[in-house]
PDB file of N, CA and C in Angstrom:
ATOM      1  N   MET A   1     -60.385 -77.635-124.637  1.00  0.00           N
ATOM      2  CA  MET A   1     -59.384 -78.469-124.015  1.00  0.00           C
ATOM      3  C   MET A   1     -59.001 -79.602-124.940  1.00  0.00           C
ATOM      4  N   ALA A   2     -59.945 -80.429-125.331  1.00  0.00           N
ATOM      5  CA  ALA A   2     -59.631 -81.565-126.189  1.00  0.00           C
ATOM      6  C   ALA A   2     -59.094 -81.095-127.532  1.00  0.00           C
ATOM      7  N   ALA A   3     -59.613 -79.965-128.008  1.00  0.00           N
ATOM      8  CA  ALA A   3     -59.135 -79.443-129.285  1.00  0.00           C
ATOM      9  C   ALA A   3     -57.660 -79.096-129.221  1.00  0.00           C
ATOM     10  N   ALA A   4     -57.232 -78.551-128.097  1.00  0.00           N
ATOM     11  CA  ALA A   4     -55.814 -78.205-127.953  1.00  0.00           C
ATOM     12  C   ALA A   4     -54.947 -79.449-128.006  1.00  0.00           C
ATOM     13  N   LEU A   5     -55.419 -80.524-127.438  1.00  0.00           N
ATOM     14  CA  LEU A   5     -54.654 -81.769-127.471  1.00  0.00           C
ATOM     15  C   LEU A   5     -54.787 -82.483-128.805  1.00  0.00           C
ATOM     16  N   ALA A   6     -55.805 -82.139-129.559  1.00  0.00           N
ATOM     17  CA  ALA A   6     -56.046 -82.811-130.827  1.00  0.00           C
ATOM     18  C   ALA A   6     -55.209 -82.236-131.956  1.00  0.00           C
ATOM     19  N   ILE A   7     -54.501 -81.151-131.691  1.00  0.00           N
ATOM     20  CA  ILE A   7     -53.667 -80.557-132.727  1.00  0.00           C
ATOM     21  C   ILE A   7     -52.635 -81.593-133.155  1.00  0.00           C
ATOM     22  N   PRO A   8     -52.543 -81.836-134.442  1.00  0.00           N
ATOM     23  CA  PRO A   8     -51.585 -82.854-134.912  1.00  0.00           C
ATOM     24  C   PRO A   8     -50.147 -82.445-134.629  1.00  0.00           C
ATOM     25  N   LEU A   9     -49.278 -83.401-134.645  1.00  0.00           N
ATOM     26  CA  LEU A   9     -47.859 -83.119-134.430  1.00  0.00           C
ATOM     27  C   LEU A   9     -47.386 -82.108-135.457  1.00  0.00           C
ATOM     28  N   THR A  10     -46.633 -81.127-135.023  1.00  0.00           N
ATOM     29  CA  THR A  10     -46.201 -80.066-135.922  1.00  0.00           C
ATOM     30  C   THR A  10     -44.750 -80.212-136.339  1.00  0.00           C
ATOM     31  N   GLY A  11     -44.131 -81.306-136.016  1.00  0.00           N
ATOM     32  CA  GLY A  11     -42.752 -81.498-136.410  1.00  0.00           C
ATOM     33  C   GLY A  11     -41.764 -80.763-135.525  1.00  0.00           C
ATOM     34  N   CYS A  12     -41.963 -80.821-134.224  1.00  0.00           N
ATOM     35  CA  CYS A  12     -41.069 -80.136-133.287  1.00  0.00           C
ATOM     36  C   CYS A  12     -39.620 -80.559-133.530  1.00  0.00           C
ATOM     37  N   ALA A  13     -39.397 -81.818-133.828  1.00  0.00           N
ATOM     38  CA  ALA A  13     -38.031 -82.289-134.039  1.00  0.00           C
ATOM     39  C   ALA A  13     -37.378 -81.572-135.214  1.00  0.00           C
ATOM     40  N   ALA A  14     -38.160 -81.269-136.235  1.00  0.00           N
ATOM     41  CA  ALA A  14     -37.613 -80.623-137.418  1.00  0.00           C
ATOM     42  C   ALA A  14     -37.386 -79.132-137.209  1.00  0.00           C
ATOM     43  N   THR A  15     -38.096 -78.521-136.260  1.00  0.00           N
ATOM     44  CA  THR A  15     -38.008 -77.075-136.092  1.00  0.00           C
ATOM     45  C   THR A  15     -37.275 -76.662-134.825  1.00  0.00           C
ATOM     46  N   MET A  16     -36.774 -77.610-134.058  1.00  0.00           N
ATOM     47  CA  MET A  16     -36.132 -77.263-132.789  1.00  0.00           C
ATOM     48  C   MET A  16     -34.764 -76.637-133.028  1.00  0.00           C
ATOM     49  N   GLY A  17     -34.280 -75.963-132.007  1.00  0.00           N
ATOM     50  CA  GLY A  17     -32.950 -75.388-132.068  1.00  0.00           C
ATOM     51  C   GLY A  17     -31.906 -76.491-132.195  1.00  0.00           C
ATOM     52  N   ALA A  18     -30.994 -76.340-133.124  1.00  0.00           N
ATOM     53  CA  ALA A  18     -29.983 -77.364-133.372  1.00  0.00           C
ATOM     54  C   ALA A  18     -29.137 -77.601-132.130  1.00  0.00           C
ATOM     55  N   GLY A  19     -28.963 -78.859-131.783  1.00  0.00           N
ATOM     56  CA  GLY A  19     -28.090 -79.223-130.692  1.00  0.00           C
ATOM     57  C   GLY A  19     -28.679 -79.106-129.298  1.00  0.00           C
ATOM     58  N   ASP A  20     -29.929 -78.771-129.167  1.00  0.00           N
ATOM     59  CA  ASP A  20     -30.545 -78.633-127.851  1.00  0.00           C
ATOM     60  C   ASP A  20     -31.029 -80.004-127.391  1.00  0.00           C
ATOM     61  N   ALA A  21     -30.345 -80.575-126.421  1.00  0.00           N
ATOM     62  CA  ALA A  21     -30.682 -81.920-125.950  1.00  0.00           C
ATOM     63  C   ALA A  21     -32.080 -81.979-125.348  1.00  0.00           C
ATOM     64  N   GLY A  22     -32.500 -80.923-124.655  1.00  0.00           N
ATOM     65  CA  GLY A  22     -33.838 -80.897-124.070  1.00  0.00           C
ATOM     66  C   GLY A  22     -34.918 -80.941-125.135  1.00  0.00           C
ATOM     67  N   CYS A  23     -34.730 -80.172-126.197  1.00  0.00           N
ATOM     68  CA  CYS A  23     -35.714 -80.169-127.286  1.00  0.00           C
ATOM     69  C   CYS A  23     -35.720 -81.505-128.018  1.00  0.00           C
ATOM     70  N   ALA A  24     -34.557 -82.076-128.216  1.00  0.00           N
ATOM     71  CA  ALA A  24     -34.489 -83.372-128.883  1.00  0.00           C
ATOM     72  C   ALA A  24     -35.213 -84.428-128.058  1.00  0.00           C
ATOM     73  N   SER A  25     -34.996 -84.406-126.763  1.00  0.00           N
ATOM     74  CA  SER A  25     -35.649 -85.363-125.877  1.00  0.00           C
ATOM     75  C   SER A  25     -37.156 -85.162-125.874  1.00  0.00           C
ATOM     76  N   TYR A  26     -37.603 -83.903-125.817  1.00  0.00           N
ATOM     77  CA  TYR A  26     -39.041 -83.626-125.823  1.00  0.00           C
ATOM     78  C   TYR A  26     -39.670 -84.053-127.139  1.00  0.00           C
ATOM     79  N   ALA A  27     -39.012 -83.768-128.248  1.00  0.00           N
ATOM     80  CA  ALA A  27     -39.540 -84.165-129.557  1.00  0.00           C
ATOM     81  C   ALA A  27     -39.696 -85.683-129.641  1.00  0.00           C
ATOM     82  N   GLU A  28     -38.719 -86.399-129.117  1.00  0.00           N
ATOM     83  CA  GLU A  28     -38.784 -87.863-129.125  1.00  0.00           C
ATOM     84  C   GLU A  28     -39.940 -88.360-128.251  1.00  0.00           C
ATOM     85  N   ALA A  29     -40.077 -87.785-127.067  1.00  0.00           N
ATOM     86  CA  ALA A  29     -41.163 -88.189-126.171  1.00  0.00           C
ATOM     87  C   ALA A  29     -42.524 -87.837-126.766  1.00  0.00           C
ATOM     88  N   ARG A  30     -42.592 -86.715-127.466  1.00  0.00           N
ATOM     89  CA  ARG A  30     -43.855 -86.260-128.056  1.00  0.00           C
ATOM     90  C   ARG A  30     -44.362 -87.253-129.097  1.00  0.00           C
ATOM     91  N   LEU A  31     -43.451 -87.906-129.792  1.00  0.00           N
ATOM     92  CA  LEU A  31     -43.845 -88.889-130.796  1.00  0.00           C
ATOM     93  C   LEU A  31     -44.544 -90.095-130.169  1.00  0.00           C
ATOM     94  N   ALA A  32     -44.290 -90.348-128.901  1.00  0.00           N
ATOM     95  CA  ALA A  32     -44.896 -91.481-128.199  1.00  0.00           C
ATOM     96  C   ALA A  32     -46.166 -91.080-127.449  1.00  0.00           C
ATOM     97  N   ARG A  33     -46.628 -89.854-127.671  1.00  0.00           N
ATOM     98  CA  ARG A  33     -47.831 -89.358-126.984  1.00  0.00           C
ATOM     99  C   ARG A  33     -49.015 -90.265-127.316  1.00  0.00           C
ATOM    100  N   PRO A  34     -49.848 -90.566-126.321  1.00  0.00           N
ATOM    101  CA  PRO A  34     -51.017 -91.420-126.562  1.00  0.00           C
ATOM    102  C   PRO A  34     -51.963 -90.807-127.600  1.00  0.00           C
ATOM    103  N   ALA A  35     -52.788 -91.629-128.171  1.00  0.00           N
ATOM    104  CA  ALA A  35     -53.740 -91.194-129.197  1.00  0.00           C
ATOM    105  C   ALA A  35     -54.692 -90.133-128.653  1.00  0.00           C
ATOM    106  N   VAL A  36     -55.119 -89.237-129.524  1.00  0.00           N
ATOM    107  CA  VAL A  36     -56.024 -88.155-129.154  1.00  0.00           C
ATOM    108  C   VAL A  36     -57.323 -88.701-128.562  1.00  0.00           C
ATOM    109  N   GLU A  37     -57.747 -89.855-129.007  1.00  0.00           N
ATOM    110  CA  GLU A  37     -58.996 -90.446-128.520  1.00  0.00           C
ATOM    111  C   GLU A  37     -58.980 -90.694-127.015  1.00  0.00           C
ATOM    112  N   THR A  38     -57.811 -90.786-126.424  1.00  0.00           N
ATOM    113  CA  THR A  38     -57.713 -91.065-124.995  1.00  0.00           C
ATOM    114  C   THR A  38     -57.879 -89.816-124.133  1.00  0.00           C
ATOM    115  N   VAL A  39     -57.999 -88.640-124.760  1.00  0.00           N
ATOM    116  CA  VAL A  39     -58.144 -87.396-124.001  1.00  0.00           C
ATOM    117  C   VAL A  39     -59.366 -87.435-123.096  1.00  0.00           C
ATOM    118  N   ALA A  40     -60.425 -88.077-123.535  1.00  0.00           N
ATOM    119  CA  ALA A  40     -61.648 -88.143-122.727  1.00  0.00           C
ATOM    120  C   ALA A  40     -61.404 -88.841-121.392  1.00  0.00           C
ATOM    121  N   GLU A  41     -60.363 -89.655-121.315  1.00  0.00           N
ATOM    122  CA  GLU A  41     -60.065 -90.398-120.099  1.00  0.00           C
ATOM    123  C   GLU A  41     -59.224 -89.584-119.105  1.00  0.00           C
ATOM    124  N   VAL A  42     -58.749 -88.418-119.518  1.00  0.00           N
ATOM    125  CA  VAL A  42     -57.885 -87.588-118.675  1.00  0.00           C
ATOM    126  C   VAL A  42     -58.734 -86.521-117.976  1.00  0.00           C
ATOM    127  N   PRO A  43     -58.563 -86.344-116.663  1.00  0.00           N
ATOM    128  CA  PRO A  43     -59.304 -85.277-115.969  1.00  0.00           C
ATOM    129  C   PRO A  43     -59.011 -83.920-116.623  1.00  0.00           C
ATOM    130  N   PRO A  44     -60.014 -83.031-116.689  1.00  0.00           N
ATOM    131  CA  PRO A  44     -59.853 -81.750-117.384  1.00  0.00           C
ATOM    132  C   PRO A  44     -58.662 -80.916-116.926  1.00  0.00           C
ATOM    133  N   ASP A  45     -58.400 -80.869-115.633  1.00  0.00           N
ATOM    134  CA  ASP A  45     -57.257 -80.079-115.161  1.00  0.00           C
ATOM    135  C   ASP A  45     -55.943 -80.618-115.711  1.00  0.00           C
ATOM    136  N   TRP A  46     -55.820 -81.930-115.757  1.00  0.00           N
ATOM    137  CA  TRP A  46     -54.605 -82.539-116.297  1.00  0.00           C
ATOM    138  C   TRP A  46     -54.520 -82.319-117.793  1.00  0.00           C
ATOM    139  N   ALA A  47     -55.620 -82.466-118.499  1.00  0.00           N
ATOM    140  CA  ALA A  47     -55.621 -82.257-119.953  1.00  0.00           C
ATOM    141  C   ALA A  47     -55.213 -80.829-120.287  1.00  0.00           C
ATOM    142  N   ASN A  48     -55.720 -79.858-119.532  1.00  0.00           N
ATOM    143  CA  ASN A  48     -55.347 -78.459-119.753  1.00  0.00           C
ATOM    144  C   ASN A  48     -53.865 -78.234-119.494  1.00  0.00           C
ATOM    145  N   TRP A  49     -53.353 -78.831-118.426  1.00  0.00           N
ATOM    146  CA  TRP A  49     -51.943 -78.683-118.083  1.00  0.00           C
ATOM    147  C   TRP A  49     -51.061 -79.311-119.167  1.00  0.00           C
ATOM    148  N   ILE A  50     -51.444 -80.488-119.628  1.00  0.00           N
ATOM    149  CA  ILE A  50     -50.673 -81.176-120.673  1.00  0.00           C
ATOM    150  C   ILE A  50     -50.657 -80.347-121.951  1.00  0.00           C
ATOM    151  N   ALA A  51     -51.818 -79.802-122.328  1.00  0.00           N
ATOM    152  CA  ALA A  51     -51.889 -78.978-123.536  1.00  0.00           C
ATOM    153  C   ALA A  51     -51.024 -77.732-123.394  1.00  0.00           C
ATOM    154  N   ASP A  52     -51.057 -77.094-122.226  1.00  0.00           N
ATOM    155  CA  ASP A  52     -50.254 -75.903-121.983  1.00  0.00           C
ATOM    156  C   ASP A  52     -48.765 -76.231-122.027  1.00  0.00           C
ATOM    157  N   LEU A  53     -48.384 -77.314-121.378  1.00  0.00           N
ATOM    158  CA  LEU A  53     -46.987 -77.737-121.380  1.00  0.00           C
ATOM    159  C   LEU A  53     -46.512 -78.015-122.804  1.00  0.00           C
ATOM    160  N   ASP A  54     -47.321 -78.713-123.576  1.00  0.00           N
ATOM    161  CA  ASP A  54     -46.943 -79.042-124.944  1.00  0.00           C
ATOM    162  C   ASP A  54     -46.787 -77.765-125.775  1.00  0.00           C
ATOM    163  N   ASP A  55     -47.710 -76.825-125.629  1.00  0.00           N
ATOM    164  CA  ASP A  55     -47.604 -75.557-126.358  1.00  0.00           C
ATOM    165  C   ASP A  55     -46.315 -74.823-125.994  1.00  0.00           C
ATOM    166  N   ARG A  56     -46.005 -74.778-124.703  1.00  0.00           N
ATOM    167  CA  ARG A  56     -44.814 -74.061-124.261  1.00  0.00           C
ATOM    168  C   ARG A  56     -43.534 -74.743-124.748  1.00  0.00           C
ATOM    169  N   MET A  57     -43.483 -76.050-124.620  1.00  0.00           N
ATOM    170  CA  MET A  57     -42.284 -76.770-125.041  1.00  0.00           C
ATOM    171  C   MET A  57     -42.100 -76.713-126.553  1.00  0.00           C
ATOM    172  N   THR A  58     -43.182 -76.880-127.283  1.00  0.00           N
ATOM    173  CA  THR A  58     -43.091 -76.819-128.745  1.00  0.00           C
ATOM    174  C   THR A  58     -42.670 -75.429-129.185  1.00  0.00           C
ATOM    175  N   GLY A  59     -43.229 -74.393-128.557  1.00  0.00           N
ATOM    176  CA  GLY A  59     -42.850 -73.024-128.901  1.00  0.00           C
ATOM    177  C   GLY A  59     -41.390 -72.724-128.574  1.00  0.00           C
ATOM    178  N   THR A  60     -40.918 -73.245-127.468  1.00  0.00           N
ATOM    179  CA  THR A  60     -39.526 -73.030-127.072  1.00  0.00           C
ATOM    180  C   THR A  60     -38.549 -73.708-128.022  1.00  0.00           C
ATOM    181  N   CYS A  61     -38.966 -74.835-128.531  1.00  0.00           N
ATOM    182  CA  CYS A  61     -38.064 -75.640-129.367  1.00  0.00           C
ATOM    183  C   CYS A  61     -38.117 -75.278-130.859  1.00  0.00           C
ATOM    184  N   ARG A  62     -38.782 -74.234-131.205  1.00  0.00           N
ATOM    185  CA  ARG A  62     -38.832 -73.840-132.626  1.00  0.00           C
ATOM    186  C   ARG A  62     -37.643 -72.999-132.970  1.00  0.00           C
TER     187      ARG A  62
END
């Protein structure tokens, strides 16, 4: 779980589909993501959901 959230930023903004406002917005929000060290403070179910959401959004925006 924590490892999935610890994956460094992969440059979603640079690899997203050109002109997709949703991807641009997600890439911008992703840059403001809290530090990985704070993962321990998140309940496991939420951490898993956040990691899954990030994987799906990043994959969609490539």
